[in-house]
Amino acid sequence: MPIFRLFTEHPREVGETYLSHAAAASKIALKFAIAAPMQLLHAVFPFIKPPFGSDTASMKSFLRKMSPKRRSKSCCGGNSVEVTLHKVFSRLFLL
């Protein structure tokens, strides 16, 4: 199954399942999606501090925390992300 391997090889290399890796990568992408416009706003209006933890120091800290090595050493492993995703999607579809 070469196609299946395309989706699972990298997550396995960093000690995660496909879903836990997808959730972590999505979290990073969303954080950057918020941070980029906030930094542009700050560039035009330097007196406005970037909100939502989108300043550079917060982003560095966030990226350190989200590194694959640190994610795999979390208290609950990759399963905690999967459980969280399940809860979020369950709540979304029950509304």
Protein backbone atom coordinates (compact mmCIF):
# COMPACT_ATOMS: atom_id res chain seq x y z
CA MET A 1 0.00 0.00 0.00
CA PRO A 2 2.29 2.80 -1.17
CA ILE A 3 -0.41 5.49 -0.97
CA PHE A 4 -1.18 4.68 2.67
CA ARG A 5 2.52 4.97 3.47
CA LEU A 6 2.59 8.51 2.04
CA PHE A 7 0.21 9.58 4.80
CA THR A 8 1.73 7.63 7.68
CA GLU A 9 5.51 7.55 7.14
CA HIS A 10 6.36 11.07 8.36
CA PRO A 11 3.99 11.03 11.36
CA ARG A 12 5.49 7.68 12.39
CA GLU A 13 9.02 9.13 12.06
CA VAL A 14 8.16 11.82 14.62
CA GLY A 15 6.32 9.38 16.91
CA GLU A 16 2.73 10.35 16.13
CA THR A 17 -0.34 8.92 14.49
CA TYR A 18 -1.72 10.46 11.32
CA LEU A 19 -4.55 12.18 13.23
CA SER A 20 -2.39 13.55 16.03
CA HIS A 21 0.11 14.88 13.48
CA ALA A 22 -2.67 16.44 11.40
CA ALA A 23 -4.12 18.10 14.49
CA ALA A 24 -0.76 19.51 15.58
CA ALA A 25 0.10 20.77 12.09
CA SER A 26 -3.36 22.36 11.81
CA LYS A 27 -2.92 24.08 15.16
CA ILE A 28 0.39 25.56 13.99
CA ALA A 29 -1.15 26.66 10.67
CA LEU A 30 -4.10 28.34 12.38
CA LYS A 31 -1.82 30.14 14.82
CA PHE A 32 0.22 31.50 11.89
CA ALA A 33 -2.96 32.40 9.99
CA ILE A 34 -3.93 34.61 12.94
CA ALA A 35 -0.41 35.91 13.58
CA ALA A 36 0.33 37.04 10.01
CA PRO A 37 -2.45 39.65 9.73
CA MET A 38 -1.80 40.79 13.29
CA GLN A 39 1.85 41.42 12.45
CA LEU A 40 0.81 43.33 9.31
CA LEU A 41 -1.50 45.44 11.44
CA HIS A 42 1.38 46.06 13.85
CA ALA A 43 3.65 46.98 10.92
CA VAL A 44 1.26 49.74 9.80
CA PHE A 45 0.23 50.80 13.31
CA PRO A 46 3.29 50.15 15.52
CA PHE A 47 1.47 51.39 18.60
CA ILE A 48 -0.90 48.39 18.41
CA LYS A 49 0.59 45.36 20.12
CA PRO A 50 -0.15 42.09 18.30
CA PRO A 51 -3.01 40.40 20.19
CA PHE A 52 -3.86 36.72 20.70
CA GLY A 53 -0.30 35.63 21.48
CA SER A 54 0.78 36.57 17.96
CA ASP A 55 3.85 38.58 18.99
CA THR A 56 7.21 37.08 18.03
CA ALA A 57 8.17 35.99 21.56
CA SER A 58 4.86 34.14 21.99
CA MET A 59 5.22 32.52 18.57
CA LYS A 60 8.75 31.30 19.38
CA SER A 61 7.52 29.81 22.63
CA PHE A 62 4.54 28.22 20.87
CA LEU A 63 6.77 26.65 18.19
CA ARG A 64 9.16 25.26 20.81
CA LYS A 65 6.20 23.72 22.64
CA MET A 66 4.78 22.30 19.41
CA SER A 67 7.99 20.63 18.21
CA PRO A 68 7.44 16.92 17.47
CA LYS A 69 9.87 15.84 20.22
CA ARG A 70 7.99 17.82 22.86
CA ARG A 71 4.58 16.70 21.57
CA SER A 72 5.60 13.05 21.82
CA LYS A 73 6.76 13.60 25.44
CA SER A 74 3.43 15.11 26.53
CA CYS A 75 1.65 13.48 29.42
CA CYS A 76 -0.91 11.68 27.29
CA GLY A 77 1.03 11.18 24.05
CA GLY A 78 -0.63 11.67 20.69
CA ASN A 79 -3.93 10.33 21.97
CA SER A 80 -4.74 13.53 23.88
CA VAL A 81 -4.92 15.46 20.61
CA GLU A 82 -7.16 12.82 19.07
CA VAL A 83 -9.47 12.88 22.08
CA THR A 84 -9.61 16.69 21.94
CA LEU A 85 -10.41 16.61 18.22
CA HIS A 86 -13.14 14.09 18.83
CA LYS A 87 -14.68 16.29 21.53
CA VAL A 88 -14.53 19.40 19.34
CA PHE A 89 -16.11 17.71 16.33
CA SER A 90 -18.74 16.05 18.51
CA ARG A 91 -19.75 19.42 19.93
CA LEU A 92 -19.81 21.05 16.49
CA PHE A 93 -22.10 18.43 15.01
CA LEU A 94 -24.40 18.30 18.03
CA LEU A 95 -25.17 22.03 17.82
